[in-house]
Each structure stands twice: as structure tokens, then as C-alpha cells.
PDB file of N, CA and C in Angstrom:
ATOM      1  N   UNK A   1     119.757 119.116  91.649  1.00  0.00           N
ATOM      2  CA  UNK A   1     118.969 120.220  92.117  1.00  0.00           C
ATOM      3  C   UNK A   1     117.776 119.667  92.895  1.00  0.00           C
ATOM      4  N   UNK A   2     117.553 120.186  94.075  1.00  0.00           N
ATOM      5  CA  UNK A   2     116.396 119.764  94.859  1.00  0.00           C
ATOM      6  C   UNK A   2     115.477 120.957  95.075  1.00  0.00           C
ATOM      7  N   UNK A   3     114.234 120.668  95.245  1.00  0.00           N
ATOM      8  CA  UNK A   3     113.261 121.727  95.461  1.00  0.00           C
ATOM      9  C   UNK A   3     112.108 121.172  96.277  1.00  0.00           C
ATOM     10  N   UNK A   4     111.316 122.063  96.845  1.00  0.00           N
ATOM     11  CA  UNK A   4     110.164 121.671  97.655  1.00  0.00           C
ATOM     12  C   UNK A   4     108.895 122.186  96.994  1.00  0.00           C
ATOM     13  N   UNK A   5     107.840 121.446  97.172  1.00  0.00           N
ATOM     14  CA  UNK A   5     106.531 121.866  96.697  1.00  0.00           C
ATOM     15  C   UNK A   5     105.673 122.118  97.923  1.00  0.00           C
ATOM     16  N   UNK A   6     105.102 123.297  97.990  1.00  0.00           N
ATOM     17  CA  UNK A   6     104.282 123.661  99.147  1.00  0.00           C
ATOM     18  C   UNK A   6     102.877 124.001  98.685  1.00  0.00           C
ATOM     19  N   UNK A   7     101.912 123.662  99.518  1.00  0.00           N
ATOM     20  CA  UNK A   7     100.520 124.009  99.256  1.00  0.00           C
ATOM     21  C   UNK A   7      99.978 124.706 100.483  1.00  0.00           C
ATOM     22  N   UNK A   8      99.400 125.862 100.303  1.00  0.00           N
ATOM     23  CA  UNK A   8      98.872 126.641 101.415  1.00  0.00           C
ATOM     24  C   UNK A   8      97.350 126.636 101.341  1.00  0.00           C
ATOM     25  N   UNK A   9      96.707 126.339 102.469  1.00  0.00           N
ATOM     26  CA  UNK A   9      95.253 126.360 102.554  1.00  0.00           C
ATOM     27  C   UNK A   9      94.855 126.936 103.897  1.00  0.00           C
ATOM     28  N   UNK A  10      93.710 127.616 103.931  1.00  0.00           N
ATOM     29  CA  UNK A  10      93.174 128.082 105.197  1.00  0.00           C
ATOM     30  C   UNK A  10      92.544 126.893 105.913  1.00  0.00           C
ATOM     31  N   UNK A  11      92.839 126.747 107.180  1.00  0.00           N
ATOM     32  CA  UNK A  11      92.272 125.659 107.978  1.00  0.00           C
ATOM     33  C   UNK A  11      91.856 126.186 109.344  1.00  0.00           C
ATOM     34  N   UNK A  12      90.873 125.527 109.937  1.00  0.00           N
ATOM     35  CA  UNK A  12      90.464 125.851 111.301  1.00  0.00           C
ATOM     36  C   UNK A  12      91.362 125.120 112.284  1.00  0.00           C
ATOM     37  N   UNK A  13      91.456 125.636 113.492  1.00  0.00           N
ATOM     38  CA  UNK A  13      92.303 125.008 114.510  1.00  0.00           C
ATOM     39  C   UNK A  13      91.830 123.589 114.815  1.00  0.00           C
ATOM     40  N   UNK A  14      90.543 123.319 114.715  1.00  0.00           N
ATOM     41  CA  UNK A  14      90.018 121.992 114.993  1.00  0.00           C
ATOM     42  C   UNK A  14      90.446 120.947 113.981  1.00  0.00           C
ATOM     43  N   UNK A  15      90.814 121.363 112.789  1.00  0.00           N
ATOM     44  CA  UNK A  15      91.216 120.426 111.736  1.00  0.00           C
ATOM     45  C   UNK A  15      92.677 120.024 111.818  1.00  0.00           C
ATOM     46  N   UNK A  16      93.476 120.739 112.568  1.00  0.00           N
ATOM     47  CA  UNK A  16      94.926 120.531 112.540  1.00  0.00           C
ATOM     48  C   UNK A  16      95.312 119.137 113.025  1.00  0.00           C
ATOM     49  N   UNK A  17      94.700 118.652 114.096  1.00  0.00           N
ATOM     50  CA  UNK A  17      95.044 117.326 114.624  1.00  0.00           C
ATOM     51  C   UNK A  17      94.710 116.246 113.604  1.00  0.00           C
ATOM     52  N   UNK A  18      93.544 116.335 112.997  1.00  0.00           N
ATOM     53  CA  UNK A  18      93.152 115.353 111.988  1.00  0.00           C
ATOM     54  C   UNK A  18      94.049 115.390 110.765  1.00  0.00           C
ATOM     55  N   UNK A  19      94.442 116.591 110.348  1.00  0.00           N
ATOM     56  CA  UNK A  19      95.346 116.707 109.205  1.00  0.00           C
ATOM     57  C   UNK A  19      96.706 116.111 109.528  1.00  0.00           C
ATOM     58  N   UNK A  20      97.203 116.350 110.735  1.00  0.00           N
ATOM     59  CA  UNK A  20      98.499 115.795 111.129  1.00  0.00           C
ATOM     60  C   UNK A  20      98.449 114.272 111.111  1.00  0.00           C
ATOM     61  N   UNK A  21      97.385 113.699 111.707  1.00  0.00           N
ATOM     62  CA  UNK A  21      97.267 112.244 111.733  1.00  0.00           C
ATOM     63  C   UNK A  21      97.171 111.677 110.319  1.00  0.00           C
ATOM     64  N   UNK A  22      96.480 112.374 109.440  1.00  0.00           N
ATOM     65  CA  UNK A  22      96.355 111.914 108.055  1.00  0.00           C
ATOM     66  C   UNK A  22      97.703 111.970 107.338  1.00  0.00           C
ATOM     67  N   UNK A  23      98.383 113.100 107.451  1.00  0.00           N
ATOM     68  CA  UNK A  23      99.648 113.280 106.730  1.00  0.00           C
ATOM     69  C   UNK A  23     100.746 112.367 107.254  1.00  0.00           C
ATOM     70  N   UNK A  24     100.768 112.121 108.549  1.00  0.00           N
ATOM     71  CA  UNK A  24     101.798 111.274 109.136  1.00  0.00           C
ATOM     72  C   UNK A  24     101.369 109.810 109.205  1.00  0.00           C
ATOM     73  N   UNK A  25     100.181 109.514 108.704  1.00  0.00           N
ATOM     74  CA  UNK A  25      99.618 108.151 108.698  1.00  0.00           C
ATOM     75  C   UNK A  25      99.583 107.546 110.097  1.00  0.00           C
ATOM     76  N   UNK A  26      99.049 108.330 111.041  1.00  0.00           N
ATOM     77  CA  UNK A  26      98.959 107.907 112.435  1.00  0.00           C
ATOM     78  C   UNK A  26      97.591 107.319 112.780  1.00  0.00           C
ATOM     79  N   UNK A  27      96.657 107.289 111.835  1.00  0.00           N
ATOM     80  CA  UNK A  27      95.325 106.756 112.116  1.00  0.00           C
ATOM     81  C   UNK A  27      95.417 105.283 112.489  1.00  0.00           C
ATOM     82  N   UNK A  28      94.594 104.889 113.451  1.00  0.00           N
ATOM     83  CA  UNK A  28      94.545 103.480 113.846  1.00  0.00           C
ATOM     84  C   UNK A  28      93.321 102.792 113.267  1.00  0.00           C
ATOM     85  N   UNK A  29      92.263 103.551 113.022  1.00  0.00           N
ATOM     86  CA  UNK A  29      91.037 102.994 112.463  1.00  0.00           C
ATOM     87  C   UNK A  29      90.724 103.713 111.162  1.00  0.00           C
ATOM     88  N   UNK A  30      90.451 102.964 110.125  1.00  0.00           N
ATOM     89  CA  UNK A  30      90.111 103.529 108.829  1.00  0.00           C
ATOM     90  C   UNK A  30      88.721 103.059 108.435  1.00  0.00           C
ATOM     91  N   UNK A  31      87.964 103.913 107.753  1.00  0.00           N
ATOM     92  CA  UNK A  31      86.638 103.516 107.293  1.00  0.00           C
ATOM     93  C   UNK A  31      86.735 102.532 106.126  1.00  0.00           C
ATOM     94  N   UNK A  32      87.842 102.543 105.403  1.00  0.00           N
ATOM     95  CA  UNK A  32      88.063 101.609 104.305  1.00  0.00           C
ATOM     96  C   UNK A  32      88.677 100.327 104.881  1.00  0.00           C
ATOM     97  N   UNK A  33      87.936  99.246 104.825  1.00  0.00           N
ATOM     98  CA  UNK A  33      88.395  97.984 105.413  1.00  0.00           C
ATOM     99  C   UNK A  33      89.492  97.311 104.587  1.00  0.00           C
ATOM    100  N   UNK A  34      89.732  97.768 103.362  1.00  0.00           N
ATOM    101  CA  UNK A  34      90.737  97.158 102.495  1.00  0.00           C
ATOM    102  C   UNK A  34      92.151  97.652 102.767  1.00  0.00           C
ATOM    103  N   UNK A  35      92.319  98.584 103.698  1.00  0.00           N
ATOM    104  CA  UNK A  35      93.649  99.122 103.993  1.00  0.00           C
ATOM    105  C   UNK A  35      94.414  98.126 104.850  1.00  0.00           C
ATOM    106  N   UNK A  36      95.611  97.768 104.411  1.00  0.00           N
ATOM    107  CA  UNK A  36      96.486  96.866 105.158  1.00  0.00           C
ATOM    108  C   UNK A  36      97.455  97.733 105.963  1.00  0.00           C
ATOM    109  N   UNK A  37      97.255  97.806 107.271  1.00  0.00           N
ATOM    110  CA  UNK A  37      98.035  98.699 108.128  1.00  0.00           C
ATOM    111  C   UNK A  37      99.508  98.318 108.142  1.00  0.00           C
ATOM    112  N   UNK A  38      99.848  97.046 107.973  1.00  0.00           N
ATOM    113  CA  UNK A  38     101.255  96.638 107.957  1.00  0.00           C
ATOM    114  C   UNK A  38     102.005  97.257 106.777  1.00  0.00           C
ATOM    115  N   UNK A  39     101.322  97.485 105.671  1.00  0.00           N
ATOM    116  CA  UNK A  39     101.974  98.079 104.507  1.00  0.00           C
ATOM    117  C   UNK A  39     102.200  99.576 104.670  1.00  0.00           C
ATOM    118  N   UNK A  40     101.438 100.217 105.534  1.00  0.00           N
ATOM    119  CA  UNK A  40     101.562 101.661 105.745  1.00  0.00           C
ATOM    120  C   UNK A  40     102.796 101.973 106.570  1.00  0.00           C
ATOM    121  N   UNK A  41     103.061 101.193 107.589  1.00  0.00           N
ATOM    122  CA  UNK A  41     104.152 101.492 108.521  1.00  0.00           C
ATOM    123  C   UNK A  41     105.496 101.292 107.910  1.00  0.00           C
TER     124      UNK A  41
END
């Protein structure tokens, strides 16, 4: 049996690009210097 978990939140149009980059791990620069980008990809 498979199922999906969904979460609904109100967001502004300006936040959508940032949320997409966060969820898809498309960020190139992170404020946390301990992140190893090779492990993310």
C-alpha cells in the first residue's frame, strides 16, 4: 500500500522560487559552511 503525505500552507508569490530551490536542493550558496554539496547531489 502506498500513500502520500501533503502539507498545505499559505505562501506569497515571492516565496515560491525560494521554496522550490530549497525543496529541490538547487541552492548553490548556503549560510552553513559545514554543508558538503557533493553529498547533496
